[in-house]
Amino acid sequence: MTGGTVRGPRLNGTVLAGGGDWSNTRGTVCELQARYLLRADDGTVIDIVNRGYYHEGADSPDLYDGLVRLAEAGTYFRTAPVFRTDAPQHGWLARTVFVGLAREEDGHIVIRCYTLD
C-alpha cells in the first residue's frame, strides 16, 4: 500500500504507508483482501481489513450516488471493510457493518463505503 486518503461525513484521515494486498483468482473471479492502517485527523490509528470480490462481465450498470460515480458498468467490485479501534470517538466503526463499492480512477482504487443500518 502506498497511502491514500479517507474523506467522509464522520471520518477523515490518511492511509499510512505499509499494509498489504492479497488476491486469489479462480476462473474469472478475483477474491481480494487488503490490510492497512488509517491515521484519523484526530491522530487515532485505525486498523482496517477489507475483503471483497472483483470480476468483469457482470450484468450491472454504471452506479452513481448523485454525481459521484460508484461502479463501472459490467464490473462487479465490492468490498466489506472491517474497522478495528479501541478509541471511544471511533467506536461506531467497530460495531457497524460496511459495504464498499469500488472502482479504478486515475490509477488508484476508490472505495465509497456505506453503513448498513
C-alpha atoms as a PDB file:
ATOM      1  CA  MET A   1       0.000   0.000   0.000  1.00  0.00           C
ATOM      2  CA  THR A   2       1.317   3.419  -0.823  1.00  0.00           C
ATOM      3  CA  GLY A   3      -1.061   5.564   1.159  1.00  0.00           C
ATOM      4  CA  GLY A   4      -4.167   7.480   0.253  1.00  0.00           C
ATOM      5  CA  THR A   5      -6.895   9.440   1.968  1.00  0.00           C
ATOM      6  CA  VAL A   6     -10.259   8.858   3.587  1.00  0.00           C
ATOM      7  CA  ARG A   7     -12.894  11.588   3.397  1.00  0.00           C
ATOM      8  CA  GLY A   8     -16.405  11.402   4.701  1.00  0.00           C
ATOM      9  CA  PRO A   9     -19.030  12.951   6.911  1.00  0.00           C
ATOM     10  CA  ARG A  10     -17.846  11.093  10.044  1.00  0.00           C
ATOM     11  CA  LEU A  11     -14.236  10.087   9.306  1.00  0.00           C
ATOM     12  CA  ASN A  12     -11.286  11.767   7.628  1.00  0.00           C
ATOM     13  CA  GLY A  13      -7.682  10.678   7.602  1.00  0.00           C
ATOM     14  CA  THR A  14      -4.643   9.379   5.795  1.00  0.00           C
ATOM     15  CA  VAL A  15      -3.839   5.781   4.890  1.00  0.00           C
ATOM     16  CA  LEU A  16      -0.387   5.039   6.275  1.00  0.00           C
ATOM     17  CA  ALA A  17       2.352   3.573   4.089  1.00  0.00           C
ATOM     18  CA  GLY A  18       2.728  -0.170   4.513  1.00  0.00           C
ATOM     19  CA  GLY A  19      -0.040  -2.698   4.758  1.00  0.00           C
ATOM     20  CA  GLY A  20      -0.632  -5.213   2.035  1.00  0.00           C
ATOM     21  CA  ASP A  21      -2.922  -6.599  -0.633  1.00  0.00           C
ATOM     22  CA  TRP A  22      -3.570 -10.234  -1.446  1.00  0.00           C
ATOM     23  CA  SER A  23      -5.643 -11.794  -4.180  1.00  0.00           C
ATOM     24  CA  ASN A  24      -6.718 -15.243  -5.278  1.00  0.00           C
ATOM     25  CA  THR A  25      -8.154 -15.663  -8.754  1.00  0.00           C
ATOM     26  CA  ARG A  26     -10.433 -18.602  -9.500  1.00  0.00           C
ATOM     27  CA  GLY A  27     -11.596 -18.573 -13.101  1.00  0.00           C
ATOM     28  CA  THR A  28     -12.738 -15.024 -13.772  1.00  0.00           C
ATOM     29  CA  VAL A  29     -13.377 -14.082 -10.138  1.00  0.00           C
ATOM     30  CA  CYS A  30     -10.689 -12.366  -8.100  1.00  0.00           C
ATOM     31  CA  GLU A  31     -11.029 -12.650  -4.316  1.00  0.00           C
ATOM     32  CA  LEU A  32      -9.351  -9.677  -2.630  1.00  0.00           C
ATOM     33  CA  GLN A  33      -8.019  -8.901   0.816  1.00  0.00           C
ATOM     34  CA  ALA A  34      -6.268  -5.727   1.912  1.00  0.00           C
ATOM     35  CA  ARG A  35      -4.982  -4.791   5.331  1.00  0.00           C
ATOM     36  CA  TYR A  36      -3.871  -1.281   6.191  1.00  0.00           C
ATOM     37  CA  LEU A  37      -3.784   1.426   8.842  1.00  0.00           C
ATOM     38  CA  LEU A  38      -5.548   4.765   8.782  1.00  0.00           C
ATOM     39  CA  ARG A  39      -4.456   7.763  10.835  1.00  0.00           C
ATOM     40  CA  ALA A  40      -7.635   9.752  11.520  1.00  0.00           C
ATOM     41  CA  ASP A  41      -7.416  13.539  11.582  1.00  0.00           C
ATOM     42  CA  ASP A  42      -7.516  13.391  15.404  1.00  0.00           C
ATOM     43  CA  GLY A  43      -4.369  11.188  15.421  1.00  0.00           C
ATOM     44  CA  THR A  44      -6.101   7.864  16.153  1.00  0.00           C
ATOM     45  CA  VAL A  45      -4.671   4.910  14.222  1.00  0.00           C
ATOM     46  CA  ILE A  46      -7.391   2.551  12.964  1.00  0.00           C
ATOM     47  CA  ASP A  47      -6.728  -0.974  11.663  1.00  0.00           C
ATOM     48  CA  ILE A  48      -8.702  -1.934   8.533  1.00  0.00           C
ATOM     49  CA  VAL A  49      -9.206  -5.354   6.953  1.00  0.00           C
ATOM     50  CA  ASN A  50     -11.024  -5.062   3.642  1.00  0.00           C
ATOM     51  CA  ARG A  51     -12.181  -8.179   1.785  1.00  0.00           C
ATOM     52  CA  GLY A  52     -14.083  -8.339  -1.460  1.00  0.00           C
ATOM     53  CA  TYR A  53     -14.539  -9.625  -4.986  1.00  0.00           C
ATOM     54  CA  TYR A  54     -13.788  -8.324  -8.448  1.00  0.00           C
ATOM     55  CA  HIS A  55     -14.887  -9.707 -11.774  1.00  0.00           C
ATOM     56  CA  GLU A  56     -15.663  -8.357 -15.191  1.00  0.00           C
ATOM     57  CA  GLY A  57     -18.622  -9.283 -17.350  1.00  0.00           C
ATOM     58  CA  ALA A  58     -21.142  -8.706 -14.579  1.00  0.00           C
ATOM     59  CA  ASP A  59     -24.665  -7.759 -15.603  1.00  0.00           C
ATOM     60  CA  SER A  60     -24.562  -4.410 -13.830  1.00  0.00           C
ATOM     61  CA  PRO A  61     -24.972  -0.783 -14.953  1.00  0.00           C
ATOM     62  CA  ASP A  62     -22.878   2.240 -14.054  1.00  0.00           C
ATOM     63  CA  LEU A  63     -23.832   3.191 -10.486  1.00  0.00           C
ATOM     64  CA  TYR A  64     -23.991   6.754  -9.177  1.00  0.00           C
ATOM     65  CA  ASP A  65     -24.699   8.401  -5.830  1.00  0.00           C
ATOM     66  CA  GLY A  66     -25.829  11.786  -7.057  1.00  0.00           C
ATOM     67  CA  LEU A  67     -23.000  12.901  -9.334  1.00  0.00           C
ATOM     68  CA  VAL A  68     -20.426  10.567  -7.761  1.00  0.00           C
ATOM     69  CA  ARG A  69     -19.639   7.514  -9.865  1.00  0.00           C
ATOM     70  CA  LEU A  70     -19.599   4.409  -7.671  1.00  0.00           C
ATOM     71  CA  ALA A  71     -19.173   1.490 -10.032  1.00  0.00           C
ATOM     72  CA  GLU A  72     -18.411   0.832 -13.667  1.00  0.00           C
ATOM     73  CA  ALA A  73     -20.893  -0.966 -15.919  1.00  0.00           C
ATOM     74  CA  GLY A  74     -20.029  -4.621 -16.487  1.00  0.00           C
ATOM     75  CA  THR A  75     -17.751  -4.792 -13.447  1.00  0.00           C
ATOM     76  CA  TYR A  76     -18.523  -6.228 -10.026  1.00  0.00           C
ATOM     77  CA  PHE A  77     -16.105  -4.708  -7.484  1.00  0.00           C
ATOM     78  CA  ARG A  78     -17.467  -4.842  -3.943  1.00  0.00           C
ATOM     79  CA  THR A  79     -15.780  -4.930  -0.553  1.00  0.00           C
ATOM     80  CA  ALA A  80     -16.691  -5.363   3.109  1.00  0.00           C
ATOM     81  CA  PRO A  81     -14.267  -3.338   5.260  1.00  0.00           C
ATOM     82  CA  VAL A  82     -13.916  -4.110   8.967  1.00  0.00           C
ATOM     83  CA  PHE A  83     -12.529  -1.377  11.206  1.00  0.00           C
ATOM     84  CA  ARG A  84     -10.726  -2.104  14.477  1.00  0.00           C
ATOM     85  CA  THR A  85     -10.141   0.535  17.131  1.00  0.00           C
ATOM     86  CA  ASP A  86     -10.439   1.000  20.876  1.00  0.00           C
ATOM     87  CA  ALA A  87     -10.720   4.791  20.594  1.00  0.00           C
ATOM     88  CA  PRO A  88     -14.083   5.828  22.078  1.00  0.00           C
ATOM     89  CA  GLN A  89     -14.669   8.554  19.479  1.00  0.00           C
ATOM     90  CA  HIS A  90     -14.394   5.958  16.695  1.00  0.00           C
ATOM     91  CA  GLY A  91     -16.149   3.063  18.442  1.00  0.00           C
ATOM     92  CA  TRP A  92     -19.008   3.265  15.948  1.00  0.00           C
ATOM     93  CA  LEU A  93     -16.631   1.931  13.276  1.00  0.00           C
ATOM     94  CA  ALA A  94     -16.010  -1.289  15.230  1.00  0.00           C
ATOM     95  CA  ARG A  95     -19.715  -2.029  15.705  1.00  0.00           C
ATOM     96  CA  THR A  96     -21.064  -1.209  12.234  1.00  0.00           C
ATOM     97  CA  VAL A  97     -21.298  -3.286   9.046  1.00  0.00           C
ATOM     98  CA  PHE A  98     -19.977  -1.549   5.931  1.00  0.00           C
ATOM     99  CA  VAL A  99     -20.255  -2.262   2.220  1.00  0.00           C
ATOM    100  CA  GLY A 100     -17.824  -0.695  -0.225  1.00  0.00           C
ATOM    101  CA  LEU A 101     -18.418  -0.026  -3.908  1.00  0.00           C
ATOM    102  CA  ALA A 102     -15.077   0.214  -5.646  1.00  0.00           C
ATOM    103  CA  ARG A 103     -13.721   1.391  -8.960  1.00  0.00           C
ATOM    104  CA  GLU A 104     -10.428   2.349 -10.533  1.00  0.00           C
ATOM    105  CA  GLU A 105      -9.874   6.030 -11.191  1.00  0.00           C
ATOM    106  CA  ASP A 106      -6.682   7.636 -12.489  1.00  0.00           C
ATOM    107  CA  GLY A 107      -4.577   4.618 -11.494  1.00  0.00           C
ATOM    108  CA  HIS A 108      -5.998   4.467  -7.949  1.00  0.00           C
ATOM    109  CA  ILE A 109      -8.647   2.316  -6.349  1.00  0.00           C
ATOM    110  CA  VAL A 110     -11.506   4.415  -4.981  1.00  0.00           C
ATOM    111  CA  ILE A 111     -13.898   2.801  -2.493  1.00  0.00           C
ATOM    112  CA  ARG A 112     -17.063   4.513  -1.337  1.00  0.00           C
ATOM    113  CA  CYS A 113     -18.272   2.929   1.907  1.00  0.00           C
ATOM    114  CA  TYR A 114     -21.839   2.761   3.162  1.00  0.00           C
ATOM    115  CA  THR A 115     -23.131   1.627   6.530  1.00  0.00           C
ATOM    116  CA  LEU A 116     -25.851  -0.973   6.812  1.00  0.00           C
ATOM    117  CA  ASP A 117     -28.271   0.246   9.446  1.00  0.00           C
END
